[in-house]
């Protein structure tokens, strides 16, 4: 079975609970905590979708990073060994 894809943007993303693809902003987030962290509420209670690419790289609060597939992660970057275990990627 192939990866699921979103018809609005055409992006493919990992299946299962290890990733979330936002149907509104079309961002793909690895881990539910990263998916949840991209959502904020404004003063009226409406959701705001954070685009991690808009956070200045030198900001102390910027612990977002994108992998080779363009999927967003939050937290420490993966080592090459961790990437190989998770994605079967070898450098």
N, C-alpha and C. Protein backbone atom coordinates (compact mmCIF):
# COMPACT_ATOMS: atom_id res chain seq x y z
N UNK A 1 0.85 -1.18 0.00
CA UNK A 1 0.00 0.00 0.00
C UNK A 1 0.89 1.24 0.00
N UNK A 2 0.56 2.21 -0.82
CA UNK A 2 1.34 3.44 -0.90
C UNK A 2 1.02 4.40 0.22
N UNK A 3 1.74 5.49 0.19
CA UNK A 3 1.50 6.53 1.19
C UNK A 3 0.20 7.26 0.88
N UNK A 4 -0.50 7.69 1.93
CA UNK A 4 -1.69 8.50 1.68
C UNK A 4 -1.28 9.84 1.06
N UNK A 5 -2.21 10.48 0.40
CA UNK A 5 -1.95 11.78 -0.20
C UNK A 5 -3.16 12.67 0.02
N UNK A 6 -2.91 13.96 -0.01
CA UNK A 6 -3.98 14.94 0.22
C UNK A 6 -4.39 15.53 -1.13
N UNK A 7 -5.65 15.37 -1.53
CA UNK A 7 -6.07 15.83 -2.85
C UNK A 7 -5.97 17.35 -3.05
N UNK A 8 -6.07 18.13 -1.98
CA UNK A 8 -5.99 19.58 -2.10
C UNK A 8 -4.61 20.02 -2.59
N UNK A 9 -3.54 19.43 -2.01
CA UNK A 9 -2.19 19.87 -2.35
C UNK A 9 -1.38 18.83 -3.11
N UNK A 10 -1.85 17.58 -3.11
CA UNK A 10 -1.14 16.51 -3.80
C UNK A 10 0.04 15.94 -3.04
N UNK A 11 0.29 16.43 -1.81
CA UNK A 11 1.43 15.93 -1.04
C UNK A 11 1.15 14.55 -0.48
N UNK A 12 2.20 13.73 -0.47
CA UNK A 12 2.15 12.42 0.17
C UNK A 12 2.76 12.56 1.55
N UNK A 13 2.29 11.72 2.48
CA UNK A 13 2.79 11.79 3.85
C UNK A 13 2.77 10.40 4.47
N UNK A 14 3.57 10.19 5.53
CA UNK A 14 3.61 8.87 6.16
C UNK A 14 2.25 8.47 6.74
N UNK A 15 1.93 7.20 6.60
CA UNK A 15 0.68 6.68 7.13
C UNK A 15 0.81 6.40 8.62
N UNK A 16 -0.31 6.24 9.26
CA UNK A 16 -0.32 5.86 10.67
C UNK A 16 -0.24 7.06 11.59
N UNK A 17 0.08 6.77 12.83
CA UNK A 17 0.04 7.81 13.87
C UNK A 17 1.35 8.55 14.05
N UNK A 18 2.37 8.25 13.24
CA UNK A 18 3.64 8.96 13.44
C UNK A 18 3.69 10.30 12.73
N UNK A 19 2.68 10.61 11.93
CA UNK A 19 2.67 11.89 11.22
C UNK A 19 1.25 12.42 11.12
N UNK A 20 1.16 13.72 10.97
CA UNK A 20 -0.13 14.35 10.75
C UNK A 20 -0.02 15.35 9.60
N UNK A 21 -0.95 15.28 8.68
CA UNK A 21 -0.97 16.24 7.57
C UNK A 21 -2.17 17.14 7.80
N UNK A 22 -1.93 18.44 7.85
CA UNK A 22 -2.99 19.40 8.13
C UNK A 22 -3.78 19.67 6.86
N UNK A 23 -5.07 19.42 6.91
CA UNK A 23 -5.94 19.62 5.75
C UNK A 23 -6.18 21.09 5.45
N UNK A 24 -5.83 21.98 6.38
CA UNK A 24 -6.04 23.40 6.17
C UNK A 24 -4.80 24.05 5.58
N UNK A 25 -3.64 23.89 6.23
CA UNK A 25 -2.42 24.57 5.76
C UNK A 25 -1.53 23.67 4.91
N UNK A 26 -1.86 22.38 4.82
CA UNK A 26 -1.13 21.39 4.01
C UNK A 26 0.29 21.15 4.49
N UNK A 27 0.57 21.41 5.75
CA UNK A 27 1.87 21.06 6.33
C UNK A 27 1.83 19.63 6.84
N UNK A 28 2.96 18.95 6.76
CA UNK A 28 3.08 17.60 7.30
C UNK A 28 4.00 17.66 8.49
N UNK A 29 3.56 17.10 9.60
CA UNK A 29 4.27 17.17 10.87
C UNK A 29 4.52 15.77 11.39
N UNK A 30 5.76 15.50 11.75
CA UNK A 30 6.12 14.18 12.28
C UNK A 30 5.95 14.21 13.78
N UNK A 31 5.06 13.37 14.25
CA UNK A 31 4.73 13.31 15.67
C UNK A 31 3.51 14.17 15.96
N UNK A 32 2.64 13.65 16.76
CA UNK A 32 1.43 14.39 17.09
C UNK A 32 1.73 15.65 17.89
N UNK A 33 2.80 15.65 18.67
CA UNK A 33 3.13 16.86 19.42
C UNK A 33 3.55 17.98 18.47
N UNK A 34 4.24 17.65 17.39
CA UNK A 34 4.60 18.67 16.39
C UNK A 34 3.34 19.17 15.67
N UNK A 35 2.44 18.24 15.34
CA UNK A 35 1.19 18.65 14.70
C UNK A 35 0.42 19.60 15.60
N UNK A 36 0.26 19.21 16.87
CA UNK A 36 -0.48 20.04 17.82
C UNK A 36 0.19 21.40 18.02
N UNK A 37 1.53 21.43 18.03
CA UNK A 37 2.26 22.67 18.27
C UNK A 37 2.10 23.68 17.13
N UNK A 38 1.73 23.21 15.95
CA UNK A 38 1.56 24.16 14.84
C UNK A 38 0.21 24.88 14.91
N UNK A 39 -0.64 24.46 15.81
CA UNK A 39 -1.95 25.09 15.98
C UNK A 39 -1.94 26.05 17.17
N UNK A 40 -2.43 27.23 16.96
CA UNK A 40 -2.58 28.23 18.02
C UNK A 40 -3.99 28.77 17.93
N UNK A 41 -4.43 29.44 18.98
CA UNK A 41 -5.74 30.11 18.94
C UNK A 41 -5.52 31.60 19.10
N UNK A 42 -6.28 32.36 18.33
CA UNK A 42 -6.20 33.81 18.46
C UNK A 42 -7.10 34.26 19.61
N UNK A 43 -7.21 35.55 19.82
CA UNK A 43 -8.01 36.08 20.93
C UNK A 43 -9.49 35.72 20.82
N UNK A 44 -9.96 35.44 19.62
CA UNK A 44 -11.36 35.07 19.42
C UNK A 44 -11.59 33.56 19.49
N UNK A 45 -10.52 32.81 19.72
CA UNK A 45 -10.64 31.36 19.82
C UNK A 45 -10.51 30.62 18.51
N UNK A 46 -10.30 31.34 17.41
CA UNK A 46 -10.14 30.69 16.10
C UNK A 46 -8.71 30.15 15.96
N UNK A 47 -8.57 29.04 15.26
CA UNK A 47 -7.25 28.45 15.07
C UNK A 47 -6.40 29.28 14.13
N UNK A 48 -5.13 29.36 14.45
CA UNK A 48 -4.11 29.95 13.59
C UNK A 48 -3.11 28.82 13.33
N UNK A 49 -2.74 28.64 12.09
CA UNK A 49 -1.80 27.58 11.72
C UNK A 49 -0.41 28.18 11.58
N UNK A 50 0.50 27.77 12.46
CA UNK A 50 1.88 28.23 12.44
C UNK A 50 2.62 27.59 11.28
N UNK A 51 3.29 28.39 10.48
CA UNK A 51 4.17 27.88 9.43
C UNK A 51 5.58 27.95 10.00
N UNK A 52 6.18 26.81 10.35
CA UNK A 52 7.51 26.82 10.95
C UNK A 52 8.57 27.51 10.10
N UNK A 53 8.35 27.57 8.79
CA UNK A 53 9.32 28.22 7.90
C UNK A 53 9.41 29.72 8.14
N UNK A 54 8.40 30.29 8.79
CA UNK A 54 8.39 31.73 9.02
C UNK A 54 9.07 32.14 10.33
N UNK A 55 9.50 31.17 11.13
CA UNK A 55 10.20 31.49 12.39
C UNK A 55 11.66 31.78 12.06
N UNK A 56 12.19 32.92 12.51
CA UNK A 56 13.60 33.22 12.22
C UNK A 56 14.52 32.10 12.73
N UNK A 57 15.48 31.67 11.90
CA UNK A 57 16.34 30.56 12.28
C UNK A 57 17.13 30.81 13.56
N UNK A 58 17.44 32.07 13.86
CA UNK A 58 18.23 32.36 15.05
C UNK A 58 17.37 32.62 16.29
N UNK A 59 16.06 32.44 16.17
CA UNK A 59 15.17 32.64 17.31
C UNK A 59 15.41 31.55 18.35
N UNK A 60 15.52 31.92 19.63
CA UNK A 60 15.73 30.90 20.66
C UNK A 60 14.55 29.94 20.79
N UNK A 61 13.38 30.34 20.30
CA UNK A 61 12.20 29.47 20.37
C UNK A 61 12.07 28.58 19.14
N UNK A 62 13.00 28.67 18.20
CA UNK A 62 12.89 27.90 16.97
C UNK A 62 13.57 26.54 17.14
N UNK A 63 12.78 25.54 17.47
CA UNK A 63 13.30 24.18 17.50
C UNK A 63 12.61 23.32 16.44
N UNK A 64 12.10 24.00 15.40
CA UNK A 64 11.51 23.32 14.27
C UNK A 64 12.58 23.05 13.22
N UNK A 65 12.43 21.95 12.50
CA UNK A 65 13.32 21.66 11.38
C UNK A 65 12.59 20.75 10.40
N UNK A 66 12.96 20.86 9.14
CA UNK A 66 12.35 20.05 8.08
C UNK A 66 13.33 18.98 7.63
N UNK A 67 12.81 17.79 7.40
CA UNK A 67 13.65 16.70 6.92
C UNK A 67 13.75 16.75 5.39
N UNK A 68 14.38 15.74 4.82
CA UNK A 68 14.62 15.70 3.38
C UNK A 68 13.33 15.65 2.56
N UNK A 69 12.26 15.16 3.17
CA UNK A 69 10.98 15.09 2.47
C UNK A 69 10.13 16.35 2.67
N UNK A 70 10.64 17.31 3.44
CA UNK A 70 9.90 18.53 3.70
C UNK A 70 8.90 18.41 4.83
N UNK A 71 9.00 17.34 5.61
CA UNK A 71 8.12 17.15 6.76
C UNK A 71 8.72 17.85 7.97
N UNK A 72 7.87 18.53 8.72
CA UNK A 72 8.32 19.30 9.87
C UNK A 72 8.43 18.46 11.13
N UNK A 73 9.50 18.70 11.88
CA UNK A 73 9.75 18.07 13.18
C UNK A 73 9.91 19.19 14.20
N UNK A 74 9.67 18.86 15.45
CA UNK A 74 9.88 19.82 16.53
C UNK A 74 10.74 19.15 17.58
N UNK A 75 11.84 19.78 17.93
CA UNK A 75 12.74 19.22 18.93
C UNK A 75 14.10 18.96 18.33
N UNK A 76 14.85 18.12 19.01
CA UNK A 76 16.22 17.81 18.58
C UNK A 76 16.22 17.15 17.21
N UNK A 77 17.22 17.50 16.40
CA UNK A 77 17.35 16.89 15.08
C UNK A 77 17.76 15.43 15.22
N UNK A 78 17.34 14.63 14.26
CA UNK A 78 17.69 13.22 14.26
C UNK A 78 19.13 13.03 13.81
N UNK A 79 19.78 12.05 14.39
CA UNK A 79 21.11 11.67 13.92
C UNK A 79 20.94 10.84 12.64
N UNK A 80 22.02 10.65 11.90
CA UNK A 80 21.95 9.83 10.69
C UNK A 80 21.50 8.41 11.03
N UNK A 81 21.94 7.89 12.17
CA UNK A 81 21.54 6.54 12.59
C UNK A 81 20.04 6.48 12.86
N UNK A 82 19.50 7.48 13.53
CA UNK A 82 18.07 7.52 13.80
C UNK A 82 17.27 7.63 12.50
N UNK A 83 17.75 8.45 11.56
CA UNK A 83 17.07 8.57 10.27
C UNK A 83 17.03 7.23 9.56
N UNK A 84 18.15 6.52 9.56
CA UNK A 84 18.21 5.22 8.88
C UNK A 84 17.23 4.24 9.51
N UNK A 85 17.11 4.26 10.84
CA UNK A 85 16.18 3.36 11.52
C UNK A 85 14.72 3.73 11.21
N UNK A 86 14.43 5.02 11.21
CA UNK A 86 13.05 5.46 11.00
C UNK A 86 12.61 5.41 9.55
N UNK A 87 13.49 5.86 8.66
CA UNK A 87 13.10 6.05 7.25
C UNK A 87 13.82 5.13 6.27
N UNK A 88 14.78 4.35 6.75
CA UNK A 88 15.55 3.53 5.84
C UNK A 88 16.47 4.35 4.96
N UNK A 89 16.88 5.54 5.45
CA UNK A 89 17.72 6.46 4.68
C UNK A 89 19.16 6.27 5.11
N UNK A 90 20.03 6.16 4.14
CA UNK A 90 21.45 6.08 4.43
C UNK A 90 22.16 7.14 3.61
N UNK A 91 23.13 7.81 4.23
CA UNK A 91 23.92 8.82 3.50
C UNK A 91 25.07 8.20 2.78
